[in-house]
Amino acid sequence: DSLKPEDTAVYYCAADRRGPILISINAGDYDYWGQGTQV
């Protein structure tokens, strides 16, 4: 909501199978990725 021009990017969904507790901000910690969608 309330989108801004600086939100413009390709958005990717990712899944981290390591464990159910920690939400990592590092892309390298995610195992599966989608192809992305442009916003």
All heavy atoms as atom14 arrays in JSON, in Angstrom:
{
  "sequence": "DSLKPEDTAVYYCAADRRGPILISINAGDYDYWGQGTQV",
  "atom14_mask": [
    [1, 1, 1, 1, 1, 1, 1, 1, 0, 0, 0, 0, 0, 0],
    [1, 1, 1, 1, 1, 1, 0, 0, 0, 0, 0, 0, 0, 0],
    [1, 1, 1, 1, 1, 1, 1, 1, 0, 0, 0, 0, 0, 0],
    [1, 1, 1, 1, 1, 1, 1, 1, 1, 0, 0, 0, 0, 0],
    [1, 1, 1, 1, 1, 1, 1, 0, 0, 0, 0, 0, 0, 0],
    [1, 1, 1, 1, 1, 1, 1, 1, 1, 0, 0, 0, 0, 0],
    [1, 1, 1, 1, 1, 1, 1, 1, 0, 0, 0, 0, 0, 0],
    [1, 1, 1, 1, 1, 1, 1, 0, 0, 0, 0, 0, 0, 0],
    [1, 1, 1, 1, 1, 0, 0, 0, 0, 0, 0, 0, 0, 0],
    [1, 1, 1, 1, 1, 1, 1, 0, 0, 0, 0, 0, 0, 0],
    [1, 1, 1, 1, 1, 1, 1, 1, 1, 1, 1, 1, 0, 0],
    [1, 1, 1, 1, 1, 1, 1, 1, 1, 1, 1, 1, 0, 0],
    [1, 1, 1, 1, 1, 1, 0, 0, 0, 0, 0, 0, 0, 0],
    [1, 1, 1, 1, 1, 0, 0, 0, 0, 0, 0, 0, 0, 0],
    [1, 1, 1, 1, 1, 0, 0, 0, 0, 0, 0, 0, 0, 0],
    [1, 1, 1, 1, 1, 1, 1, 1, 0, 0, 0, 0, 0, 0],
    [1, 1, 1, 1, 1, 1, 1, 1, 1, 1, 1, 0, 0, 0],
    [1, 1, 1, 1, 1, 1, 1, 1, 1, 1, 1, 0, 0, 0],
    [1, 1, 1, 1, 0, 0, 0, 0, 0, 0, 0, 0, 0, 0],
    [1, 1, 1, 1, 1, 1, 1, 0, 0, 0, 0, 0, 0, 0],
    [1, 1, 1, 1, 1, 1, 1, 1, 0, 0, 0, 0, 0, 0],
    [1, 1, 1, 1, 1, 1, 1, 1, 0, 0, 0, 0, 0, 0],
    [1, 1, 1, 1, 1, 1, 1, 1, 0, 0, 0, 0, 0, 0],
    [1, 1, 1, 1, 1, 1, 0, 0, 0, 0, 0, 0, 0, 0],
    [1, 1, 1, 1, 1, 1, 1, 1, 0, 0, 0, 0, 0, 0],
    [1, 1, 1, 1, 1, 1, 1, 1, 0, 0, 0, 0, 0, 0],
    [1, 1, 1, 1, 1, 0, 0, 0, 0, 0, 0, 0, 0, 0],
    [1, 1, 1, 1, 0, 0, 0, 0, 0, 0, 0, 0, 0, 0],
    [1, 1, 1, 1, 1, 1, 1, 1, 0, 0, 0, 0, 0, 0],
    [1, 1, 1, 1, 1, 1, 1, 1, 1, 1, 1, 1, 0, 0],
    [1, 1, 1, 1, 1, 1, 1, 1, 0, 0, 0, 0, 0, 0],
    [1, 1, 1, 1, 1, 1, 1, 1, 1, 1, 1, 1, 0, 0],
    [1, 1, 1, 1, 1, 1, 1, 1, 1, 1, 1, 1, 1, 1],
    [1, 1, 1, 1, 0, 0, 0, 0, 0, 0, 0, 0, 0, 0],
    [1, 1, 1, 1, 1, 1, 1, 1, 1, 0, 0, 0, 0, 0],
    [1, 1, 1, 1, 0, 0, 0, 0, 0, 0, 0, 0, 0, 0],
    [1, 1, 1, 1, 1, 1, 1, 0, 0, 0, 0, 0, 0, 0],
    [1, 1, 1, 1, 1, 1, 1, 1, 1, 0, 0, 0, 0, 0],
    [1, 1, 1, 1, 1, 1, 1, 0, 0, 0, 0, 0, 0, 0]
  ],
  "atom14_positions": [
    [[0.83, -1.2, 0.0], [0.0, 0.0, 0.0], [0.87, 1.25, 0.0], [2.05, 1.2, 0.33], [-0.91, 0.0, 1.23], [-1.86, -1.19, 1.27], [-2.36, -1.56, 0.2], [-2.08, -1.74, 2.36], [0.0, 0.0, 0.0], [0.0, 0.0, 0.0], [0.0, 0.0, 0.0], [0.0, 0.0, 0.0], [0.0, 0.0, 0.0], [0.0, 0.0, 0.0]],
    [[0.26, 2.35, -0.36], [0.96, 3.64, -0.38], [2.29, 3.54, -1.1], [3.34, 3.96, -0.6], [1.18, 4.14, 1.06], [-0.04, 4.26, 1.75], [0.0, 0.0, 0.0], [0.0, 0.0, 0.0], [0.0, 0.0, 0.0], [0.0, 0.0, 0.0], [0.0, 0.0, 0.0], [0.0, 0.0, 0.0], [0.0, 0.0, 0.0], [0.0, 0.0, 0.0]],
    [[2.25, 2.97, -2.28], [3.48, 2.74, -3.03], [4.17, 4.04, -3.4], [3.51, 5.07, -3.65], [3.17, 1.91, -4.28], [2.98, 0.42, -4.01], [2.25, -0.26, -5.16], [4.32, -0.25, -3.76], [0.0, 0.0, 0.0], [0.0, 0.0, 0.0], [0.0, 0.0, 0.0], [0.0, 0.0, 0.0], [0.0, 0.0, 0.0], [0.0, 0.0, 0.0]],
    [[5.49, 3.98, -3.42], [6.32, 5.12, -3.74], [7.2, 4.79, -4.96], [7.49, 3.61, -5.2], [7.22, 5.47, -2.56], [6.48, 5.74, -1.26], [7.47, 5.98, -0.12], [6.74, 6.24, 1.18], [7.69, 6.46, 2.31], [0.0, 0.0, 0.0], [0.0, 0.0, 0.0], [0.0, 0.0, 0.0], [0.0, 0.0, 0.0], [0.0, 0.0, 0.0]],
    [[7.65, 5.79, -5.68], [8.54, 5.51, -6.82], [9.77, 4.69, -6.43], [10.23, 3.86, -7.22], [8.92, 6.91, -7.31], [7.73, 7.75, -6.95], [7.27, 7.21, -5.63], [0.0, 0.0, 0.0], [0.0, 0.0, 0.0], [0.0, 0.0, 0.0], [0.0, 0.0, 0.0], [0.0, 0.0, 0.0], [0.0, 0.0, 0.0], [0.0, 0.0, 0.0]],
    [[10.26, 4.89, -5.23], [11.45, 4.14, -4.78], [11.16, 2.67, -4.51], [12.07, 1.9, -4.25], [12.08, 4.79, -3.55], [11.11, 5.08, -2.43], [10.62, 6.52, -2.45], [10.29, 7.03, -3.54], [10.55, 7.12, -1.35], [0.0, 0.0, 0.0], [0.0, 0.0, 0.0], [0.0, 0.0, 0.0], [0.0, 0.0, 0.0], [0.0, 0.0, 0.0]],
    [[9.9, 2.27, -4.57], [9.55, 0.85, -4.46], [9.7, 0.12, -5.8], [9.54, -1.11, -5.85], [8.11, 0.69, -3.96], [7.92, 1.19, -2.55], [8.8, 0.95, -1.7], [6.89, 1.85, -2.3], [0.0, 0.0, 0.0], [0.0, 0.0, 0.0], [0.0, 0.0, 0.0], [0.0, 0.0, 0.0], [0.0, 0.0, 0.0], [0.0, 0.0, 0.0]],
    [[9.98, 0.86, -6.85], [10.14, 0.26, -8.17], [11.29, -0.73, -8.17], [12.42, -0.4, -7.8], [10.38, 1.34, -9.22], [9.21, 2.16, -9.32], [10.68, 0.73, -10.58], [0.0, 0.0, 0.0], [0.0, 0.0, 0.0], [0.0, 0.0, 0.0], [0.0, 0.0, 0.0], [0.0, 0.0, 0.0], [0.0, 0.0, 0.0], [0.0, 0.0, 0.0]],
    [[11.0, -1.97, -8.57], [12.0, -3.03, -8.57], [11.37, -4.31, -9.11], [10.15, -4.38, -9.28], [12.53, -3.28, -7.15], [0.0, 0.0, 0.0], [0.0, 0.0, 0.0], [0.0, 0.0, 0.0], [0.0, 0.0, 0.0], [0.0, 0.0, 0.0], [0.0, 0.0, 0.0], [0.0, 0.0, 0.0], [0.0, 0.0, 0.0], [0.0, 0.0, 0.0]],
    [[12.21, -5.3, -9.32], [11.72, -6.66, -9.54], [11.6, -7.31, -8.17], [12.55, -7.28, -7.38], [12.67, -7.47, -10.44], [12.16, -8.91, -10.57], [12.8, -6.81, -11.81], [0.0, 0.0, 0.0], [0.0, 0.0, 0.0], [0.0, 0.0, 0.0], [0.0, 0.0, 0.0], [0.0, 0.0, 0.0], [0.0, 0.0, 0.0], [0.0, 0.0, 0.0]],
    [[10.44, -7.86, -7.9], [10.17, -8.47, -6.6], [10.25, -9.99, -6.72], [9.66, -10.59, -7.64], [8.8, -8.04, -6.09], [8.82, -6.65, -5.52], [8.94, -5.54, -6.36], [8.73, -6.42, -4.15], [8.99, -4.25, -5.85], [8.78, -5.15, -3.63], [8.91, -4.06, -4.49], [8.95, -2.79, -3.97], [0.0, 0.0, 0.0], [0.0, 0.0, 0.0]],
    [[10.96, -10.6, -5.77], [11.19, -12.03, -5.77], [10.64, -12.66, -4.5], [10.81, -12.12, -3.4], [12.68, -12.35, -5.84], [13.37, -11.87, -7.08], [13.94, -10.61, -7.14], [13.46, -12.68, -8.21], [14.6, -10.16, -8.28], [14.11, -12.25, -9.35], [14.68, -10.99, -9.38], [15.32, -10.55, -10.52], [0.0, 0.0, 0.0], [0.0, 0.0, 0.0]],
    [[10.05, -13.82, -4.67], [9.62, -14.65, -3.55], [10.72, -15.67, -3.28], [11.35, -16.16, -4.23], [8.31, -15.34, -3.92], [7.7, -16.5, -2.71], [0.0, 0.0, 0.0], [0.0, 0.0, 0.0], [0.0, 0.0, 0.0], [0.0, 0.0, 0.0], [0.0, 0.0, 0.0], [0.0, 0.0, 0.0], [0.0, 0.0, 0.0], [0.0, 0.0, 0.0]],
    [[10.95, -16.0, -2.02], [12.01, -16.94, -1.68], [11.6, -17.78, -0.48], [10.8, -17.34, 0.35], [13.3, -16.19, -1.38], [0.0, 0.0, 0.0], [0.0, 0.0, 0.0], [0.0, 0.0, 0.0], [0.0, 0.0, 0.0], [0.0, 0.0, 0.0], [0.0, 0.0, 0.0], [0.0, 0.0, 0.0], [0.0, 0.0, 0.0], [0.0, 0.0, 0.0]],
    [[12.18, -18.97, -0.39], [11.88, -19.88, 0.71], [13.18, -20.33, 1.37], [14.14, -20.7, 0.69], [11.11, -21.1, 0.2], [0.0, 0.0, 0.0], [0.0, 0.0, 0.0], [0.0, 0.0, 0.0], [0.0, 0.0, 0.0], [0.0, 0.0, 0.0], [0.0, 0.0, 0.0], [0.0, 0.0, 0.0], [0.0, 0.0, 0.0], [0.0, 0.0, 0.0]],
    [[13.18, -20.32, 2.68], [14.33, -20.73, 3.49], [13.94, -21.99, 4.24], [13.09, -21.95, 5.13], [14.69, -19.59, 4.44], [15.85, -19.93, 5.37], [16.37, -21.07, 5.3], [16.23, -19.05, 6.15], [0.0, 0.0, 0.0], [0.0, 0.0, 0.0], [0.0, 0.0, 0.0], [0.0, 0.0, 0.0], [0.0, 0.0, 0.0], [0.0, 0.0, 0.0]],
    [[14.57, -23.09, 3.92], [14.2, -24.36, 4.51], [15.01, -24.7, 5.76], [14.84, -25.78, 6.34], [14.4, -25.49, 3.49], [15.84, -25.65, 3.04], [15.98, -26.78, 2.04], [17.38, -26.92, 1.6], [17.8, -27.84, 0.76], [16.94, -28.71, 0.26], [19.07, -27.91, 0.42], [0.0, 0.0, 0.0], [0.0, 0.0, 0.0], [0.0, 0.0, 0.0]],
    [[15.89, -23.79, 6.19], [16.8, -24.15, 7.28], [16.07, -24.4, 8.59], [16.45, -25.27, 9.37], [17.83, -23.03, 7.49], [18.78, -22.84, 6.33], [19.69, -21.65, 6.62], [18.91, -20.46, 6.84], [19.29, -19.45, 7.62], [20.44, -19.52, 8.26], [18.53, -18.39, 7.76], [0.0, 0.0, 0.0], [0.0, 0.0, 0.0], [0.0, 0.0, 0.0]],
    [[15.09, -23.62, 8.87], [14.44, -23.75, 10.18], [13.33, -22.74, 10.32], [13.28, -21.77, 9.56], [0.0, 0.0, 0.0], [0.0, 0.0, 0.0], [0.0, 0.0, 0.0], [0.0, 0.0, 0.0], [0.0, 0.0, 0.0], [0.0, 0.0, 0.0], [0.0, 0.0, 0.0], [0.0, 0.0, 0.0], [0.0, 0.0, 0.0], [0.0, 0.0, 0.0]],
    [[12.46, -22.94, 11.26], [11.24, -22.14, 11.3], [11.28, -20.91, 12.2], [10.26, -20.28, 12.41], [10.24, -23.14, 11.87], [11.05, -23.96, 12.82], [12.42, -24.05, 12.23], [0.0, 0.0, 0.0], [0.0, 0.0, 0.0], [0.0, 0.0, 0.0], [0.0, 0.0, 0.0], [0.0, 0.0, 0.0], [0.0, 0.0, 0.0], [0.0, 0.0, 0.0]],
    [[12.47, -20.55, 12.71], [12.52, -19.51, 13.73], [13.09, -18.2, 13.19], [12.51, -17.14, 13.38], [13.37, -19.97, 14.93], [12.85, -21.29, 15.5], [13.4, -18.88, 15.99], [11.45, -21.2, 16.05], [0.0, 0.0, 0.0], [0.0, 0.0, 0.0], [0.0, 0.0, 0.0], [0.0, 0.0, 0.0], [0.0, 0.0, 0.0], [0.0, 0.0, 0.0]],
    [[14.23, -18.27, 12.53], [14.96, -17.06, 12.16], [14.51, -16.56, 10.79], [14.45, -17.33, 9.83], [16.45, -17.36, 12.11], [17.36, -16.21, 11.63], [17.31, -15.05, 12.6], [18.77, -16.71, 11.44], [0.0, 0.0, 0.0], [0.0, 0.0, 0.0], [0.0, 0.0, 0.0], [0.0, 0.0, 0.0], [0.0, 0.0, 0.0], [0.0, 0.0, 0.0]],
    [[14.21, -15.28, 10.7], [13.92, -14.64, 9.42], [15.2, -13.93, 8.98], [15.54, -12.86, 9.51], [12.77, -13.64, 9.52], [11.5, -14.34, 10.0], [12.52, -12.99, 8.15], [10.34, -13.39, 10.26], [0.0, 0.0, 0.0], [0.0, 0.0, 0.0], [0.0, 0.0, 0.0], [0.0, 0.0, 0.0], [0.0, 0.0, 0.0], [0.0, 0.0, 0.0]],
    [[15.9, -14.52, 8.05], [17.16, -13.94, 7.59], [16.87, -12.84, 6.57], [15.95, -12.94, 5.77], [18.03, -15.0, 6.95], [19.19, -14.43, 6.39], [0.0, 0.0, 0.0], [0.0, 0.0, 0.0], [0.0, 0.0, 0.0], [0.0, 0.0, 0.0], [0.0, 0.0, 0.0], [0.0, 0.0, 0.0], [0.0, 0.0, 0.0], [0.0, 0.0, 0.0]],
    [[17.71, -11.8, 6.61], [17.62, -10.74, 5.61], [18.63, -10.95, 4.49], [18.73, -10.13, 3.58], [17.82, -9.35, 6.24], [19.24, -9.21, 6.81], [16.79, -9.1, 7.33], [19.56, -7.78, 7.23], [0.0, 0.0, 0.0], [0.0, 0.0, 0.0], [0.0, 0.0, 0.0], [0.0, 0.0, 0.0], [0.0, 0.0, 0.0], [0.0, 0.0, 0.0]],
    [[19.39, -12.05, 4.58], [20.43, -12.33, 3.6], [19.91, -13.23, 2.49], [19.45, -14.35, 2.75], [21.63, -12.99, 4.27], [22.25, -12.1, 5.32], [22.5, -10.93, 5.08], [22.5, -12.66, 6.5], [0.0, 0.0, 0.0], [0.0, 0.0, 0.0], [0.0, 0.0, 0.0], [0.0, 0.0, 0.0], [0.0, 0.0, 0.0], [0.0, 0.0, 0.0]],
    [[20.01, -12.8, 1.27], [19.49, -13.57, 0.14], [20.17, -14.93, 0.05], [19.53, -15.91, -0.34], [19.69, -12.79, -1.16], [0.0, 0.0, 0.0], [0.0, 0.0, 0.0], [0.0, 0.0, 0.0], [0.0, 0.0, 0.0], [0.0, 0.0, 0.0], [0.0, 0.0, 0.0], [0.0, 0.0, 0.0], [0.0, 0.0, 0.0], [0.0, 0.0, 0.0]],
    [[21.42, -15.01, 0.45], [22.15, -16.27, 0.36], [21.63, -17.35, 1.27], [21.97, -18.53, 1.09], [0.0, 0.0, 0.0], [0.0, 0.0, 0.0], [0.0, 0.0, 0.0], [0.0, 0.0, 0.0], [0.0, 0.0, 0.0], [0.0, 0.0, 0.0], [0.0, 0.0, 0.0], [0.0, 0.0, 0.0], [0.0, 0.0, 0.0], [0.0, 0.0, 0.0]],
    [[20.82, -16.98, 2.25], [20.27, -17.97, 3.18], [19.0, -18.63, 2.65], [18.49, -19.56, 3.28], [19.98, -17.31, 4.52], [21.25, -16.98, 5.28], [22.27, -17.66, 5.07], [21.22, -16.02, 6.09], [0.0, 0.0, 0.0], [0.0, 0.0, 0.0], [0.0, 0.0, 0.0], [0.0, 0.0, 0.0], [0.0, 0.0, 0.0], [0.0, 0.0, 0.0]],
    [[18.5, -18.15, 1.53], [17.26, -18.71, 0.98], [17.58, -19.72, -0.12], [18.46, -19.5, -0.95], [16.37, -17.58, 0.44], [15.76, -16.77, 1.57], [16.54, -15.86, 2.29], [14.44, -16.95, 1.96], [16.0, -15.14, 3.35], [13.9, -16.24, 3.01], [14.69, -15.33, 3.7], [14.15, -14.63, 4.76], [0.0, 0.0, 0.0], [0.0, 0.0, 0.0]],
    [[16.84, -20.82, -0.09], [17.16, -21.95, -0.94], [16.43, -21.94, -2.28], [16.93, -22.47, -3.27], [16.82, -23.24, -0.2], [17.53, -23.35, 1.13], [18.75, -23.62, 1.11], [16.88, -23.14, 2.17], [0.0, 0.0, 0.0], [0.0, 0.0, 0.0], [0.0, 0.0, 0.0], [0.0, 0.0, 0.0], [0.0, 0.0, 0.0], [0.0, 0.0, 0.0]],
    [[15.23, -21.42, -2.28], [14.4, -21.45, -3.48], [13.94, -20.05, -3.84], [13.61, -19.25, -2.94], [13.18, -22.35, -3.26], [13.53, -23.76, -2.83], [13.32, -24.17, -1.52], [14.09, -24.66, -3.73], [13.64, -25.45, -1.12], [14.42, -25.95, -3.34], [14.19, -26.34, -2.04], [14.52, -27.61, -1.64], [0.0, 0.0, 0.0], [0.0, 0.0, 0.0]],
    [[13.9, -19.78, -5.15], [13.56, -18.44, -5.64], [12.59, -18.53, -6.81], [12.66, -19.47, -7.61], [14.81, -17.71, -6.1], [15.73, -17.34, -4.98], [16.69, -18.12, -4.42], [15.75, -16.1, -4.29], [17.32, -17.44, -3.39], [16.75, -16.19, -3.3], [15.02, -14.92, -4.39], [17.05, -15.13, -2.43], [15.32, -13.88, -3.53], [16.32, -13.99, -2.56]],
    [[11.73, -17.55, -6.9], [10.92, -17.4, -8.09], [11.66, -16.59, -9.14], [12.79, -16.16, -8.93], [0.0, 0.0, 0.0], [0.0, 0.0, 0.0], [0.0, 0.0, 0.0], [0.0, 0.0, 0.0], [0.0, 0.0, 0.0], [0.0, 0.0, 0.0], [0.0, 0.0, 0.0], [0.0, 0.0, 0.0], [0.0, 0.0, 0.0], [0.0, 0.0, 0.0]],
    [[10.99, -16.38, -10.25], [11.62, -15.67, -11.38], [11.49, -14.17, -11.27], [12.15, -13.43, -12.0], [11.01, -16.15, -12.7], [9.71, -15.48, -13.1], [8.53, -15.87, -12.22], [8.59, -16.85, -11.48], [7.44, -15.11, -12.32], [0.0, 0.0, 0.0], [0.0, 0.0, 0.0], [0.0, 0.0, 0.0], [0.0, 0.0, 0.0], [0.0, 0.0, 0.0]],
    [[10.64, -13.72, -10.37], [10.47, -12.29, -10.15], [9.3, -11.7, -10.92], [8.89, -12.21, -11.96], [0.0, 0.0, 0.0], [0.0, 0.0, 0.0], [0.0, 0.0, 0.0], [0.0, 0.0, 0.0], [0.0, 0.0, 0.0], [0.0, 0.0, 0.0], [0.0, 0.0, 0.0], [0.0, 0.0, 0.0], [0.0, 0.0, 0.0], [0.0, 0.0, 0.0]],
    [[8.76, -10.61, -10.38], [7.7, -9.87, -11.04], [8.02, -8.38, -10.92], [8.42, -7.92, -9.86], [6.33, -10.21, -10.44], [5.3, -9.55, -11.18], [6.21, -9.8, -8.98], [0.0, 0.0, 0.0], [0.0, 0.0, 0.0], [0.0, 0.0, 0.0], [0.0, 0.0, 0.0], [0.0, 0.0, 0.0], [0.0, 0.0, 0.0], [0.0, 0.0, 0.0]],
    [[7.84, -7.65, -12.0], [8.22, -6.24, -12.05], [7.14, -5.37, -11.42], [5.95, -5.5, -11.75], [8.45, -5.79, -13.49], [8.76, -4.31, -13.65], [10.14, -3.94, -13.14], [11.13, -4.6, -13.43], [10.21, -2.85, -12.37], [0.0, 0.0, 0.0], [0.0, 0.0, 0.0], [0.0, 0.0, 0.0], [0.0, 0.0, 0.0], [0.0, 0.0, 0.0]],
    [[7.56, -4.48, -10.55], [6.68, -3.46, -9.98], [7.28, -2.11, -10.34], [8.44, -1.83, -10.02], [6.57, -3.6, -8.46], [5.81, -2.42, -7.87], [5.88, -4.91, -8.09], [0.0, 0.0, 0.0], [0.0, 0.0, 0.0], [0.0, 0.0, 0.0], [0.0, 0.0, 0.0], [0.0, 0.0, 0.0], [0.0, 0.0, 0.0], [0.0, 0.0, 0.0]]
  ]
}
